[in-house]
């Protein structure tokens, strides 16, 4: 199974928003904005129990288009693209289906009595 990095995912989201063209790179401010929004998105997905990413350098490629869509939807208003709640809900439903019943490889927290 192929993996991608968080930077590749951020570049994909920036392309979907229309901020990044072929052969271009994000400037420092734009990269910081997308990275911050990416962190916010991952926190929200974890709190909503949609999915948790254990390693930002090994994100399953099958999740990538959906996470990039959510990130683009979240960052879109800063670039003139309105936030769409239906995109958010539909994409989260797809991610729930993809991760249902799969290992997350997260460390278990021991609970002592």
PDB file of N, CA and C in Angstrom:
ATOM      1  N   UNK A   1       0.841  -1.165   0.000  1.00  0.00           N
ATOM      2  CA  UNK A   1       0.000   0.000   0.000  1.00  0.00           C
ATOM      3  C   UNK A   1       0.898   1.244   0.000  1.00  0.00           C
ATOM      4  N   UNK A   2       0.611   2.183  -0.858  1.00  0.00           N
ATOM      5  CA  UNK A   2       1.426   3.387  -0.986  1.00  0.00           C
ATOM      6  C   UNK A   2       1.066   4.396   0.107  1.00  0.00           C
ATOM      7  N   UNK A   3       2.041   5.205   0.460  1.00  0.00           N
ATOM      8  CA  UNK A   3       1.851   6.259   1.452  1.00  0.00           C
ATOM      9  C   UNK A   3       2.263   7.591   0.858  1.00  0.00           C
ATOM     10  N   UNK A   4       1.723   8.666   1.415  1.00  0.00           N
ATOM     11  CA  UNK A   4       2.145  10.008   1.036  1.00  0.00           C
ATOM     12  C   UNK A   4       2.492  10.783   2.299  1.00  0.00           C
ATOM     13  N   UNK A   5       3.146  11.922   2.122  1.00  0.00           N
ATOM     14  CA  UNK A   5       3.524  12.753   3.264  1.00  0.00           C
ATOM     15  C   UNK A   5       2.506  13.878   3.450  1.00  0.00           C
ATOM     16  N   UNK A   6       2.580  14.523   4.593  1.00  0.00           N
ATOM     17  CA  UNK A   6       1.673  15.637   4.854  1.00  0.00           C
ATOM     18  C   UNK A   6       1.928  16.778   3.875  1.00  0.00           C
ATOM     19  N   UNK A   7       3.179  16.987   3.482  1.00  0.00           N
ATOM     20  CA  UNK A   7       3.489  18.061   2.529  1.00  0.00           C
ATOM     21  C   UNK A   7       2.853  17.782   1.166  1.00  0.00           C
ATOM     22  N   UNK A   8       2.876  16.532   0.719  1.00  0.00           N
ATOM     23  CA  UNK A   8       2.229  16.183  -0.537  1.00  0.00           C
ATOM     24  C   UNK A   8       0.723  16.415  -0.446  1.00  0.00           C
ATOM     25  N   UNK A   9       0.162  16.095   0.696  1.00  0.00           N
ATOM     26  CA  UNK A   9      -1.268  16.291   0.910  1.00  0.00           C
ATOM     27  C   UNK A   9      -1.607  17.783   0.912  1.00  0.00           C
ATOM     28  N   UNK A  10      -0.766  18.599   1.542  1.00  0.00           N
ATOM     29  CA  UNK A  10      -0.972  20.050   1.570  1.00  0.00           C
ATOM     30  C   UNK A  10      -0.882  20.621   0.162  1.00  0.00           C
ATOM     31  N   UNK A  11       0.087  20.164  -0.620  1.00  0.00           N
ATOM     32  CA  UNK A  11       0.209  20.631  -2.002  1.00  0.00           C
ATOM     33  C   UNK A  11      -1.028  20.274  -2.820  1.00  0.00           C
ATOM     34  N   UNK A  12      -1.562  19.084  -2.601  1.00  0.00           N
ATOM     35  CA  UNK A  12      -2.778  18.668  -3.307  1.00  0.00           C
ATOM     36  C   UNK A  12      -3.958  19.560  -2.931  1.00  0.00           C
ATOM     37  N   UNK A  13      -4.096  19.868  -1.639  1.00  0.00           N
ATOM     38  CA  UNK A  13      -5.182  20.739  -1.196  1.00  0.00           C
ATOM     39  C   UNK A  13      -5.034  22.144  -1.778  1.00  0.00           C
ATOM     40  N   UNK A  14      -3.801  22.659  -1.807  1.00  0.00           N
ATOM     41  CA  UNK A  14      -3.553  23.994  -2.367  1.00  0.00           C
ATOM     42  C   UNK A  14      -3.892  24.024  -3.857  1.00  0.00           C
ATOM     43  N   UNK A  15      -3.622  22.939  -4.550  1.00  0.00           N
ATOM     44  CA  UNK A  15      -3.972  22.844  -5.967  1.00  0.00           C
ATOM     45  C   UNK A  15      -5.485  22.847  -6.141  1.00  0.00           C
ATOM     46  N   UNK A  16      -6.192  22.143  -5.280  1.00  0.00           N
ATOM     47  CA  UNK A  16      -7.660  22.082  -5.371  1.00  0.00           C
ATOM     48  C   UNK A  16      -8.307  23.435  -5.109  1.00  0.00           C
ATOM     49  N   UNK A  17      -7.673  24.253  -4.262  1.00  0.00           N
ATOM     50  CA  UNK A  17      -8.189  25.589  -3.974  1.00  0.00           C
ATOM     51  C   UNK A  17      -7.882  26.548  -5.126  1.00  0.00           C
ATOM     52  N   UNK A  18      -6.912  26.172  -5.945  1.00  0.00           N
ATOM     53  CA  UNK A  18      -6.512  27.025  -7.047  1.00  0.00           C
ATOM     54  C   UNK A  18      -5.349  27.926  -6.700  1.00  0.00           C
ATOM     55  N   UNK A  19      -4.701  27.645  -5.585  1.00  0.00           N
ATOM     56  CA  UNK A  19      -3.590  28.464  -5.119  1.00  0.00           C
ATOM     57  C   UNK A  19      -2.241  27.983  -5.632  1.00  0.00           C
ATOM     58  N   UNK A  20      -2.186  26.777  -6.130  1.00  0.00           N
ATOM     59  CA  UNK A  20      -0.905  26.194  -6.530  1.00  0.00           C
ATOM     60  C   UNK A  20      -1.046  25.614  -7.934  1.00  0.00           C
ATOM     61  N   UNK A  21      -0.236  26.121  -8.844  1.00  0.00           N
ATOM     62  CA  UNK A  21      -0.239  25.620 -10.211  1.00  0.00           C
ATOM     63  C   UNK A  21       0.828  24.559 -10.398  1.00  0.00           C
ATOM     64  N   UNK A  22       0.836  23.939 -11.551  1.00  0.00           N
ATOM     65  CA  UNK A  22       1.814  22.902 -11.859  1.00  0.00           C
ATOM     66  C   UNK A  22       3.209  23.510 -11.856  1.00  0.00           C
ATOM     67  N   UNK A  23       4.121  22.870 -11.144  1.00  0.00           N
ATOM     68  CA  UNK A  23       5.504  23.322 -11.074  1.00  0.00           C
ATOM     69  C   UNK A  23       5.751  24.437 -10.079  1.00  0.00           C
ATOM     70  N   UNK A  24       4.713  24.899  -9.382  1.00  0.00           N
ATOM     71  CA  UNK A  24       4.870  25.958  -8.398  1.00  0.00           C
ATOM     72  C   UNK A  24       5.010  25.376  -7.006  1.00  0.00           C
ATOM     73  N   UNK A  25       5.499  26.190  -6.090  1.00  0.00           N
ATOM     74  CA  UNK A  25       5.559  25.817  -4.682  1.00  0.00           C
ATOM     75  C   UNK A  25       4.890  26.911  -3.860  1.00  0.00           C
ATOM     76  N   UNK A  26       4.419  26.544  -2.688  1.00  0.00           N
ATOM     77  CA  UNK A  26       3.796  27.521  -1.804  1.00  0.00           C
ATOM     78  C   UNK A  26       4.867  28.415  -1.191  1.00  0.00           C
ATOM     79  N   UNK A  27       4.552  29.710  -1.041  1.00  0.00           N
ATOM     80  CA  UNK A  27       5.498  30.569  -0.334  1.00  0.00           C
ATOM     81  C   UNK A  27       5.381  30.288   1.162  1.00  0.00           C
ATOM     82  N   UNK A  28       6.266  30.849   1.952  1.00  0.00           N
ATOM     83  CA  UNK A  28       6.350  30.520   3.380  1.00  0.00           C
ATOM     84  C   UNK A  28       5.056  30.816   4.133  1.00  0.00           C
ATOM     85  N   UNK A  29       4.425  31.959   3.847  1.00  0.00           N
ATOM     86  CA  UNK A  29       3.196  32.314   4.548  1.00  0.00           C
ATOM     87  C   UNK A  29       2.054  31.374   4.190  1.00  0.00           C
ATOM     88  N   UNK A  30       1.925  31.066   2.911  1.00  0.00           N
ATOM     89  CA  UNK A  30       0.866  30.153   2.474  1.00  0.00           C
ATOM     90  C   UNK A  30       1.091  28.754   3.033  1.00  0.00           C
ATOM     91  N   UNK A  31       2.336  28.298   3.029  1.00  0.00           N
ATOM     92  CA  UNK A  31       2.644  26.981   3.587  1.00  0.00           C
ATOM     93  C   UNK A  31       2.301  26.929   5.061  1.00  0.00           C
ATOM     94  N   UNK A  32       2.650  27.974   5.800  1.00  0.00           N
ATOM     95  CA  UNK A  32       2.331  28.024   7.233  1.00  0.00           C
ATOM     96  C   UNK A  32       0.819  27.990   7.452  1.00  0.00           C
ATOM     97  N   UNK A  33       0.073  28.712   6.617  1.00  0.00           N
ATOM     98  CA  UNK A  33      -1.389  28.722   6.723  1.00  0.00           C
ATOM     99  C   UNK A  33      -1.964  27.322   6.484  1.00  0.00           C
ATOM    100  N   UNK A  34      -1.499  26.652   5.428  1.00  0.00           N
ATOM    101  CA  UNK A  34      -2.000  25.309   5.127  1.00  0.00           C
ATOM    102  C   UNK A  34      -1.568  24.302   6.194  1.00  0.00           C
ATOM    103  N   UNK A  35      -0.352  24.415   6.705  1.00  0.00           N
ATOM    104  CA  UNK A  35       0.104  23.503   7.759  1.00  0.00           C
ATOM    105  C   UNK A  35      -0.715  23.685   9.031  1.00  0.00           C
ATOM    106  N   UNK A  36      -0.984  24.936   9.396  1.00  0.00           N
ATOM    107  CA  UNK A  36      -1.796  25.217  10.591  1.00  0.00           C
ATOM    108  C   UNK A  36      -3.211  24.658  10.393  1.00  0.00           C
ATOM    109  N   UNK A  37      -3.784  24.893   9.229  1.00  0.00           N
ATOM    110  CA  UNK A  37      -5.126  24.380   8.950  1.00  0.00           C
ATOM    111  C   UNK A  37      -5.152  22.856   8.926  1.00  0.00           C
ATOM    112  N   UNK A  38      -4.067  22.243   8.431  1.00  0.00           N
ATOM    113  CA  UNK A  38      -3.945  20.787   8.417  1.00  0.00           C
ATOM    114  C   UNK A  38      -3.976  20.248   9.844  1.00  0.00           C
ATOM    115  N   UNK A  39      -3.255  20.887  10.760  1.00  0.00           N
ATOM    116  CA  UNK A  39      -3.258  20.482  12.172  1.00  0.00           C
ATOM    117  C   UNK A  39      -4.664  20.611  12.755  1.00  0.00           C
ATOM    118  N   UNK A  40      -5.329  21.739  12.464  1.00  0.00           N
ATOM    119  CA  UNK A  40      -6.704  21.938  12.947  1.00  0.00           C
ATOM    120  C   UNK A  40      -7.617  20.834  12.433  1.00  0.00           C
ATOM    121  N   UNK A  41      -7.468  20.496  11.158  1.00  0.00           N
ATOM    122  CA  UNK A  41      -8.297  19.460  10.545  1.00  0.00           C
ATOM    123  C   UNK A  41      -8.065  18.112  11.207  1.00  0.00           C
ATOM    124  N   UNK A  42      -6.791  17.754  11.423  1.00  0.00           N
ATOM    125  CA  UNK A  42      -6.503  16.465  12.059  1.00  0.00           C
ATOM    126  C   UNK A  42      -7.055  16.405  13.473  1.00  0.00           C
ATOM    127  N   UNK A  43      -6.958  17.511  14.211  1.00  0.00           N
ATOM    128  CA  UNK A  43      -7.522  17.549  15.562  1.00  0.00           C
ATOM    129  C   UNK A  43      -9.032  17.354  15.517  1.00  0.00           C
ATOM    130  N   UNK A  44      -9.684  18.009  14.573  1.00  0.00           N
ATOM    131  CA  UNK A  44     -11.138  17.888  14.451  1.00  0.00           C
ATOM    132  C   UNK A  44     -11.548  16.472  14.057  1.00  0.00           C
ATOM    133  N   UNK A  45     -10.824  15.861  13.116  1.00  0.00           N
ATOM    134  CA  UNK A  45     -11.137  14.495  12.696  1.00  0.00           C
ATOM    135  C   UNK A  45     -10.933  13.512  13.845  1.00  0.00           C
ATOM    136  N   UNK A  46      -9.914  13.730  14.663  1.00  0.00           N
ATOM    137  CA  UNK A  46      -9.676  12.858  15.814  1.00  0.00           C
ATOM    138  C   UNK A  46     -10.771  13.043  16.869  1.00  0.00           C
ATOM    139  N   UNK A  47     -11.144  14.293  17.144  1.00  0.00           N
ATOM    140  CA  UNK A  47     -12.200  14.549  18.131  1.00  0.00           C
ATOM    141  C   UNK A  47     -13.540  13.980  17.697  1.00  0.00           C
ATOM    142  N   UNK A  48     -13.816  14.033  16.407  1.00  0.00           N
ATOM    143  CA  UNK A  48     -15.070  13.485  15.882  1.00  0.00           C
ATOM    144  C   UNK A  48     -14.997  11.977  15.664  1.00  0.00           C
ATOM    145  N   UNK A  49     -13.855  11.382  16.006  1.00  0.00           N
ATOM    146  CA  UNK A  49     -13.613   9.946  15.872  1.00  0.00           C
ATOM    147  C   UNK A  49     -13.794   9.463  14.435  1.00  0.00           C
ATOM    148  N   UNK A  50     -13.366  10.293  13.488  1.00  0.00           N
ATOM    149  CA  UNK A  50     -13.390   9.903  12.088  1.00  0.00           C
ATOM    150  C   UNK A  50     -12.147   9.090  11.789  1.00  0.00           C
ATOM    151  N   UNK A  51     -10.969   9.663  12.073  1.00  0.00           N
ATOM    152  CA  UNK A  51      -9.709   8.953  11.918  1.00  0.00           C
ATOM    153  C   UNK A  51      -8.619   9.680  12.675  1.00  0.00           C
ATOM    154  N   UNK A  52      -7.550   8.962  12.936  1.00  0.00           N
ATOM    155  CA  UNK A  52      -6.368   9.525  13.576  1.00  0.00           C
ATOM    156  C   UNK A  52      -5.165   9.121  12.750  1.00  0.00           C
ATOM    157  N   UNK A  53      -4.313  10.082  12.461  1.00  0.00           N
ATOM    158  CA  UNK A  53      -3.103   9.807  11.699  1.00  0.00           C
ATOM    159  C   UNK A  53      -1.943   9.728  12.675  1.00  0.00           C
ATOM    160  N   UNK A  54      -1.291   8.572  12.709  1.00  0.00           N
ATOM    161  CA  UNK A  54      -0.186   8.373  13.632  1.00  0.00           C
ATOM    162  C   UNK A  54       1.138   8.909  13.119  1.00  0.00           C
ATOM    163  N   UNK A  55       1.340   8.910  11.803  1.00  0.00           N
ATOM    164  CA  UNK A  55       2.612   9.334  11.213  1.00  0.00           C
ATOM    165  C   UNK A  55       2.338  10.221  10.006  1.00  0.00           C
ATOM    166  N   UNK A  56       2.710  11.502  10.119  1.00  0.00           N
ATOM    167  CA  UNK A  56       2.483  12.449   9.023  1.00  0.00           C
ATOM    168  C   UNK A  56       3.307  12.146   7.781  1.00  0.00           C
ATOM    169  N   UNK A  57       4.286  11.295   7.908  1.00  0.00           N
ATOM    170  CA  UNK A  57       5.125  10.953   6.760  1.00  0.00           C
ATOM    171  C   UNK A  57       4.685   9.647   6.098  1.00  0.00           C
ATOM    172  N   UNK A  58       3.617   9.046   6.602  1.00  0.00           N
ATOM    173  CA  UNK A  58       3.126   7.788   6.032  1.00  0.00           C
ATOM    174  C   UNK A  58       1.595   7.753   6.101  1.00  0.00           C
ATOM    175  N   UNK A  59       0.971   8.656   5.372  1.00  0.00           N
ATOM    176  CA  UNK A  59      -0.483   8.705   5.309  1.00  0.00           C
ATOM    177  C   UNK A  59      -0.923   7.772   4.184  1.00  0.00           C
ATOM    178  N   UNK A  60      -1.834   6.842   4.459  1.00  0.00           N
ATOM    179  CA  UNK A  60      -2.275   5.934   3.399  1.00  0.00           C
ATOM    180  C   UNK A  60      -2.798   6.699   2.184  1.00  0.00           C
ATOM    181  N   UNK A  61      -2.326   6.328   1.023  1.00  0.00           N
ATOM    182  CA  UNK A  61      -2.695   7.024  -0.213  1.00  0.00           C
ATOM    183  C   UNK A  61      -4.195   6.944  -0.485  1.00  0.00           C
ATOM    184  N   UNK A  62      -4.852   5.904   0.000  1.00  0.00           N
ATOM    185  CA  UNK A  62      -6.296   5.783  -0.230  1.00  0.00           C
ATOM    186  C   UNK A  62      -7.081   6.851   0.530  1.00  0.00           C
ATOM    187  N   UNK A  63      -6.493   7.403   1.593  1.00  0.00           N
ATOM    188  CA  UNK A  63      -7.155   8.463   2.353  1.00  0.00           C
ATOM    189  C   UNK A  63      -6.874   9.839   1.754  1.00  0.00           C
ATOM    190  N   UNK A  64      -5.778   9.974   1.013  1.00  0.00           N
ATOM    191  CA  UNK A  64      -5.257  11.270   0.587  1.00  0.00           C
ATOM    192  C   UNK A  64      -6.253  12.157  -0.153  1.00  0.00           C
ATOM    193  N   UNK A  65      -6.969  11.659  -1.154  1.00  0.00           N
ATOM    194  CA  UNK A  65      -7.867  12.570  -1.862  1.00  0.00           C
ATOM    195  C   UNK A  65      -8.966  13.138  -0.964  1.00  0.00           C
ATOM    196  N   UNK A  66      -9.377  12.359   0.008  1.00  0.00           N
ATOM    197  CA  UNK A  66     -10.462  12.796   0.886  1.00  0.00           C
ATOM    198  C   UNK A  66      -9.965  13.792   1.924  1.00  0.00           C
ATOM    199  N   UNK A  67      -8.785  13.553   2.473  1.00  0.00           N
ATOM    200  CA  UNK A  67      -8.210  14.519   3.422  1.00  0.00           C
ATOM    201  C   UNK A  67      -7.869  15.814   2.687  1.00  0.00           C
ATOM    202  N   UNK A  68      -7.349  15.706   1.467  1.00  0.00           N
ATOM    203  CA  UNK A  68      -7.040  16.904   0.675  1.00  0.00           C
ATOM    204  C   UNK A  68      -8.317  17.692   0.375  1.00  0.00           C
ATOM    205  N   UNK A  69      -9.412  16.996   0.107  1.00  0.00           N
ATOM    206  CA  UNK A  69     -10.690  17.670  -0.139  1.00  0.00           C
ATOM    207  C   UNK A  69     -11.148  18.419   1.103  1.00  0.00           C
ATOM    208  N   UNK A  70     -11.038  17.773   2.269  1.00  0.00           N
ATOM    209  CA  UNK A  70     -11.429  18.436   3.510  1.00  0.00           C
ATOM    210  C   UNK A  70     -10.545  19.648   3.798  1.00  0.00           C
ATOM    211  N   UNK A  71      -9.248  19.514   3.568  1.00  0.00           N
ATOM    212  CA  UNK A  71      -8.326  20.619   3.805  1.00  0.00           C
ATOM    213  C   UNK A  71      -8.601  21.769   2.833  1.00  0.00           C
ATOM    214  N   UNK A  72      -8.847  21.453   1.578  1.00  0.00           N
ATOM    215  CA  UNK A  72      -9.176  22.492   0.596  1.00  0.00           C
ATOM    216  C   UNK A  72     -10.477  23.190   0.972  1.00  0.00           C
ATOM    217  N   UNK A  73     -11.446  22.444   1.451  1.00  0.00           N
ATOM    218  CA  UNK A  73     -12.721  23.018   1.876  1.00  0.00           C
ATOM    219  C   UNK A  73     -12.519  23.942   3.076  1.00  0.00           C
ATOM    220  N   UNK A  74     -11.634  23.550   3.989  1.00  0.00           N
ATOM    221  CA  UNK A  74     -11.354  24.351   5.174  1.00  0.00           C
ATOM    222  C   UNK A  74     -10.593  25.637   4.820  1.00  0.00           C
ATOM    223  N   UNK A  75      -9.638  25.537   3.905  1.00  0.00           N
ATOM    224  CA  UNK A  75      -8.801  26.693   3.529  1.00  0.00           C
ATOM    225  C   UNK A  75      -9.428  27.547   2.435  1.00  0.00           C
ATOM    226  N   UNK A  76     -10.407  27.031   1.760  1.00  0.00           N
ATOM    227  CA  UNK A  76     -10.996  27.719   0.614  1.00  0.00           C
ATOM    228  C   UNK A  76     -11.449  29.140   0.850  1.00  0.00           C
ATOM    229  N   UNK A  77     -12.131  29.437   1.963  1.00  0.00           N
ATOM    230  CA  UNK A  77     -12.604  30.806   2.166  1.00  0.00           C
ATOM    231  C   UNK A  77     -11.498  31.875   2.119  1.00  0.00           C
ATOM    232  N   UNK A  78     -10.287  31.521   2.494  1.00  0.00           N
ATOM    233  CA  UNK A  78      -9.178  32.478   2.426  1.00  0.00           C
ATOM    234  C   UNK A  78      -8.793  32.785   0.980  1.00  0.00           C
ATOM    235  N   UNK A  79      -9.235  31.942   0.052  1.00  0.00           N
ATOM    236  CA  UNK A  79      -8.906  32.110  -1.366  1.00  0.00           C
ATOM    237  C   UNK A  79     -10.148  32.324  -2.223  1.00  0.00           C
ATOM    238  N   UNK A  80     -11.252  32.711  -1.596  1.00  0.00           N
ATOM    239  CA  UNK A  80     -12.460  33.048  -2.337  1.00  0.00           C
ATOM    240  C   UNK A  80     -13.357  31.874  -2.684  1.00  0.00           C
ATOM    241  N   UNK A  81     -13.075  30.707  -2.134  1.00  0.00           N
ATOM    242  CA  UNK A  81     -13.905  29.519  -2.376  1.00  0.00           C
ATOM    243  C   UNK A  81     -14.727  29.277  -1.111  1.00  0.00           C
ATOM    244  N   UNK A  82     -16.050  29.326  -1.188  1.00  0.00           N
ATOM    245  CA  UNK A  82     -16.858  29.186   0.025  1.00  0.00           C
ATOM    246  C   UNK A  82     -16.761  27.793   0.656  1.00  0.00           C
ATOM    247  N   UNK A  83     -16.884  27.756   1.985  1.00  0.00           N
ATOM    248  CA  UNK A  83     -16.920  26.495   2.726  1.00  0.00           C
ATOM    249  C   UNK A  83     -18.223  25.790   2.411  1.00  0.00           C
ATOM    250  N   UNK A  84     -18.164  24.469   2.182  1.00  0.00           N
ATOM    251  CA  UNK A  84     -19.349  23.689   1.848  1.00  0.00           C
ATOM    252  C   UNK A  84     -19.527  22.589   2.890  1.00  0.00           C
ATOM    253  N   UNK A  85     -20.552  22.733   3.707  1.00  0.00           N
ATOM    254  CA  UNK A  85     -20.779  21.759   4.779  1.00  0.00           C
ATOM    255  C   UNK A  85     -21.132  20.383   4.215  1.00  0.00           C
ATOM    256  N   UNK A  86     -21.787  20.316   3.064  1.00  0.00           N
ATOM    257  CA  UNK A  86     -22.124  19.027   2.468  1.00  0.00           C
ATOM    258  C   UNK A  86     -20.880  18.279   2.008  1.00  0.00           C
ATOM    259  N   UNK A  87     -19.898  19.004   1.499  1.00  0.00           N
ATOM    260  CA  UNK A  87     -18.622  18.381   1.133  1.00  0.00           C
ATOM    261  C   UNK A  87     -17.965  17.800   2.377  1.00  0.00           C
ATOM    262  N   UNK A  88     -17.987  18.565   3.469  1.00  0.00           N
ATOM    263  CA  UNK A  88     -17.387  18.108   4.724  1.00  0.00           C
ATOM    264  C   UNK A  88     -18.060  16.822   5.220  1.00  0.00           C
ATOM    265  N   UNK A  89     -19.372  16.841   5.284  1.00  0.00           N
ATOM    266  CA  UNK A  89     -20.095  15.684   5.816  1.00  0.00           C
ATOM    267  C   UNK A  89     -19.943  14.451   4.921  1.00  0.00           C
ATOM    268  N   UNK A  90     -20.047  14.640   3.615  1.00  0.00           N
ATOM    269  CA  UNK A  90     -19.919  13.513   2.692  1.00  0.00           C
ATOM    270  C   UNK A  90     -18.520  12.918   2.701  1.00  0.00           C
ATOM    271  N   UNK A  91     -17.511  13.767   2.739  1.00  0.00           N
ATOM    272  CA  UNK A  91     -16.130  13.290   2.728  1.00  0.00           C
ATOM    273  C   UNK A  91     -15.789  12.588   4.039  1.00  0.00           C
ATOM    274  N   UNK A  92     -16.265  13.111   5.158  1.00  0.00           N
ATOM    275  CA  UNK A  92     -16.034  12.444   6.439  1.00  0.00           C
ATOM    276  C   UNK A  92     -16.708  11.073   6.469  1.00  0.00           C
ATOM    277  N   UNK A  93     -17.874  10.956   5.856  1.00  0.00           N
ATOM    278  CA  UNK A  93     -18.560   9.659   5.802  1.00  0.00           C
ATOM    279  C   UNK A  93     -17.730   8.651   5.000  1.00  0.00           C
ATOM    280  N   UNK A  94     -17.136   9.095   3.916  1.00  0.00           N
ATOM    281  CA  UNK A  94     -16.287   8.202   3.119  1.00  0.00           C
ATOM    282  C   UNK A  94     -15.068   7.770   3.935  1.00  0.00           C
ATOM    283  N   UNK A  95     -14.448   8.705   4.646  1.00  0.00           N
ATOM    284  CA  UNK A  95     -13.282   8.363   5.465  1.00  0.00           C
ATOM    285  C   UNK A  95     -13.655   7.377   6.572  1.00  0.00           C
ATOM    286  N   UNK A  96     -14.809   7.578   7.189  1.00  0.00           N
ATOM    287  CA  UNK A  96     -15.260   6.621   8.223  1.00  0.00           C
ATOM    288  C   UNK A  96     -15.366   5.215   7.637  1.00  0.00           C
ATOM    289  N   UNK A  97     -15.893   5.131   6.441  1.00  0.00           N
ATOM    290  CA  UNK A  97     -16.037   3.832   5.781  1.00  0.00           C
ATOM    291  C   UNK A  97     -14.671   3.217   5.493  1.00  0.00           C
ATOM    292  N   UNK A  98     -13.721   4.036   5.044  1.00  0.00           N
ATOM    293  CA  UNK A  98     -12.391   3.528   4.712  1.00  0.00           C
ATOM    294  C   UNK A  98     -11.636   3.006   5.929  1.00  0.00           C
ATOM    295  N   UNK A  99     -11.789   3.650   7.076  1.00  0.00           N
ATOM    296  CA  UNK A  99     -11.001   3.259   8.250  1.00  0.00           C
ATOM    297  C   UNK A  99     -11.735   2.311   9.189  1.00  0.00           C
ATOM    298  N   UNK A 100     -12.966   2.038   8.899  1.00  0.00           N
ATOM    299  CA  UNK A 100     -13.759   1.166   9.766  1.00  0.00           C
ATOM    300  C   UNK A 100     -13.100  -0.211   9.899  1.00  0.00           C
ATOM    301  N   UNK A 101     -12.812  -0.584  11.104  1.00  0.00           N
ATOM    302  CA  UNK A 101     -12.286  -1.917  11.375  1.00  0.00           C
ATOM    303  C   UNK A 101     -10.842  -2.141  10.979  1.00  0.00           C
ATOM    304  N   UNK A 102     -10.078  -1.070  10.797  1.00  0.00           N
ATOM    305  CA  UNK A 102      -8.671  -1.227  10.428  1.00  0.00           C
ATOM    306  C   UNK A 102      -7.777  -0.785  11.568  1.00  0.00           C
ATOM    307  N   UNK A 103      -6.572  -1.331  11.584  1.00  0.00           N
ATOM    308  CA  UNK A 103      -5.611  -0.974  12.608  1.00  0.00           C
ATOM    309  C   UNK A 103      -5.157   0.466  12.397  1.00  0.00           C
ATOM    310  N   UNK A 104      -4.923   1.183  13.508  1.00  0.00           N
ATOM    311  CA  UNK A 104      -4.429   2.557  13.408  1.00  0.00           C
ATOM    312  C   UNK A 104      -2.940   2.621  13.747  1.00  0.00           C
ATOM    313  N   UNK A 105      -2.404   1.568  14.343  1.00  0.00           N
ATOM    314  CA  UNK A 105      -1.002   1.497  14.741  1.00  0.00           C
ATOM    315  C   UNK A 105      -0.629   2.598  15.737  1.00  0.00           C
ATOM    316  N   UNK A 106      -1.622   3.085  16.462  1.00  0.00           N
ATOM    317  CA  UNK A 106      -1.351   4.065  17.503  1.00  0.00           C
ATOM    318  C   UNK A 106      -0.933   3.330  18.771  1.00  0.00           C
ATOM    319  N   UNK A 107      -0.142   4.018  19.578  1.00  0.00           N
ATOM    320  CA  UNK A 107       0.270   3.431  20.850  1.00  0.00           C
ATOM    321  C   UNK A 107      -0.918   3.387  21.800  1.00  0.00           C
ATOM    322  N   UNK A 108      -1.042   2.287  22.483  1.00  0.00           N
ATOM    323  CA  UNK A 108      -2.100   2.129  23.459  1.00  0.00           C
ATOM    324  C   UNK A 108      -1.686   2.777  24.777  1.00  0.00           C
ATOM    325  N   UNK A 109      -2.643   3.448  25.425  1.00  0.00           N
ATOM    326  CA  UNK A 109      -2.383   4.034  26.723  1.00  0.00           C
ATOM    327  C   UNK A 109      -2.830   3.055  27.800  1.00  0.00           C
ATOM    328  N   UNK A 110      -1.924   2.683  28.642  1.00  0.00           N
ATOM    329  CA  UNK A 110      -2.250   1.751  29.714  1.00  0.00           C
ATOM    330  C   UNK A 110      -3.026   2.471  30.799  1.00  0.00           C
ATOM    331  N   UNK A 111      -4.030   1.800  31.330  1.00  0.00           N
ATOM    332  CA  UNK A 111      -4.818   2.356  32.445  1.00  0.00           C
ATOM    333  C   UNK A 111      -4.617   1.455  33.646  1.00  0.00           C
ATOM    334  N   UNK A 112      -4.018   2.010  34.678  1.00  0.00           N
ATOM    335  CA  UNK A 112      -3.777   1.258  35.893  1.00  0.00           C
ATOM    336  C   UNK A 112      -4.816   1.647  36.927  1.00  0.00           C
ATOM    337  N   UNK A 113      -5.260   0.664  37.678  1.00  0.00           N
ATOM    338  CA  UNK A 113      -6.306   0.912  38.673  1.00  0.00           C
ATOM    339  C   UNK A 113      -5.728   1.315  39.988  1.00  0.00           C
TER     340      UNK A 113
END
